[in-house]
Amino acid sequence: MSQKSEIKVYLPLKLIGQLESKKRNGMRSKFIEKAINEKLKNTQGSYMDDFPTLPLLCHLRDRLEEDYGGPNITSSLLQLIIDEVLD
């Protein structure tokens, strides 16, 4: 089972209403995960310059953790850089 992390996002009210129907079915998290994965797949083949720095760093950190089965020294160093970019 993959590791999961809680995130906080701000969405338009109309979208929240659509997501509430998924909550009743117990499928909201899976629906959101699938939507994000589809969006990330659609970005493949794009140029790195098309994306802001922070999402690239986060994606690289997550990929390293997936490839190595969890947090490691490289992903931890990237997290430090991400924290600096956020400050």
Protein backbone atom coordinates (compact mmCIF):
# COMPACT_ATOMS: atom_id res chain seq x y z
CA MET A 1 0.00 0.00 0.00
CA SER A 2 1.39 3.40 -0.91
CA GLN A 3 2.02 6.05 1.69
CA LYS A 4 -0.55 8.78 1.88
CA SER A 5 -0.24 12.31 3.12
CA GLU A 6 -2.93 14.81 4.02
CA ILE A 7 -2.96 18.03 2.02
CA LYS A 8 -5.04 21.17 2.20
CA VAL A 9 -6.43 22.67 -1.00
CA TYR A 10 -8.81 25.51 -1.74
CA LEU A 11 -11.46 24.73 -4.35
CA PRO A 12 -14.36 26.65 -5.87
CA LEU A 13 -17.71 26.03 -4.14
CA LYS A 14 -19.19 24.50 -7.30
CA LEU A 15 -16.44 21.87 -7.36
CA ILE A 16 -16.93 21.14 -3.66
CA GLY A 17 -20.58 20.38 -4.37
CA GLN A 18 -19.60 17.92 -7.08
CA LEU A 19 -17.10 16.23 -4.76
CA GLU A 20 -19.70 15.83 -2.01
CA SER A 21 -21.58 13.29 -4.14
CA LYS A 22 -18.39 11.21 -4.27
CA LYS A 23 -18.07 11.42 -0.48
CA ARG A 24 -21.40 9.67 0.01
CA ASN A 25 -20.15 6.77 -2.12
CA GLY A 26 -16.83 6.66 -0.27
CA MET A 27 -14.99 7.42 -3.51
CA ARG A 28 -13.95 11.06 -3.06
CA SER A 29 -10.26 10.43 -2.24
CA LYS A 30 -9.90 7.94 -5.08
CA PHE A 31 -11.63 10.35 -7.48
CA ILE A 32 -9.27 13.19 -6.50
CA GLU A 33 -6.21 10.93 -6.75
CA LYS A 34 -7.25 9.77 -10.23
CA ALA A 35 -7.87 13.35 -11.39
CA ILE A 36 -4.46 14.50 -10.17
CA ASN A 37 -2.71 11.51 -11.74
CA GLU A 38 -4.44 12.18 -15.07
CA LYS A 39 -3.36 15.80 -14.95
CA LEU A 40 0.23 14.78 -14.23
CA LYS A 41 0.20 12.24 -17.08
CA ASN A 42 -1.00 14.95 -19.46
CA THR A 43 2.03 17.04 -18.59
CA GLN A 44 4.48 14.40 -19.79
CA GLY A 45 6.23 15.49 -22.94
CA SER A 46 6.10 19.11 -21.83
CA TYR A 47 9.14 21.24 -21.25
CA MET A 48 10.39 21.84 -17.73
CA ASP A 49 10.26 25.57 -18.36
CA ASP A 50 6.48 25.27 -18.69
CA PHE A 51 6.11 24.58 -14.96
CA PRO A 52 6.80 26.64 -11.86
CA THR A 53 9.74 25.58 -9.69
CA LEU A 54 7.78 24.48 -6.62
CA PRO A 55 5.56 21.88 -8.36
CA LEU A 56 8.64 20.46 -10.10
CA LEU A 57 10.50 20.09 -6.81
CA CYS A 58 7.49 18.45 -5.15
CA HIS A 59 7.00 16.05 -8.05
CA LEU A 60 10.68 15.08 -8.01
CA ARG A 61 10.60 14.53 -4.24
CA ASP A 62 7.51 12.32 -4.54
CA ARG A 63 9.01 10.34 -7.42
CA LEU A 64 12.19 9.68 -5.44
CA GLU A 65 10.14 8.46 -2.48
CA GLU A 66 8.11 6.16 -4.73
CA ASP A 67 11.23 4.77 -6.41
CA TYR A 68 13.04 4.12 -3.13
CA GLY A 69 10.09 2.97 -1.02
CA GLY A 70 9.76 6.00 1.20
CA PRO A 71 11.65 9.02 2.42
CA ASN A 72 15.40 8.96 1.80
CA ILE A 73 18.30 11.38 2.08
CA THR A 74 17.74 12.81 -1.40
CA SER A 75 14.01 13.40 -0.92
CA SER A 76 14.70 14.87 2.52
CA LEU A 77 17.19 17.33 1.01
CA LEU A 78 14.62 18.27 -1.62
CA GLN A 79 12.08 18.84 1.14
CA LEU A 80 14.49 21.27 2.79
CA ILE A 81 14.77 23.16 -0.50
CA ILE A 82 10.98 23.16 -0.89
CA ASP A 83 10.62 24.58 2.61
CA GLU A 84 13.07 27.36 1.73
CA VAL A 85 11.17 28.18 -1.48
CA LEU A 86 7.92 28.40 0.52
CA ASP A 87 9.41 30.83 3.06
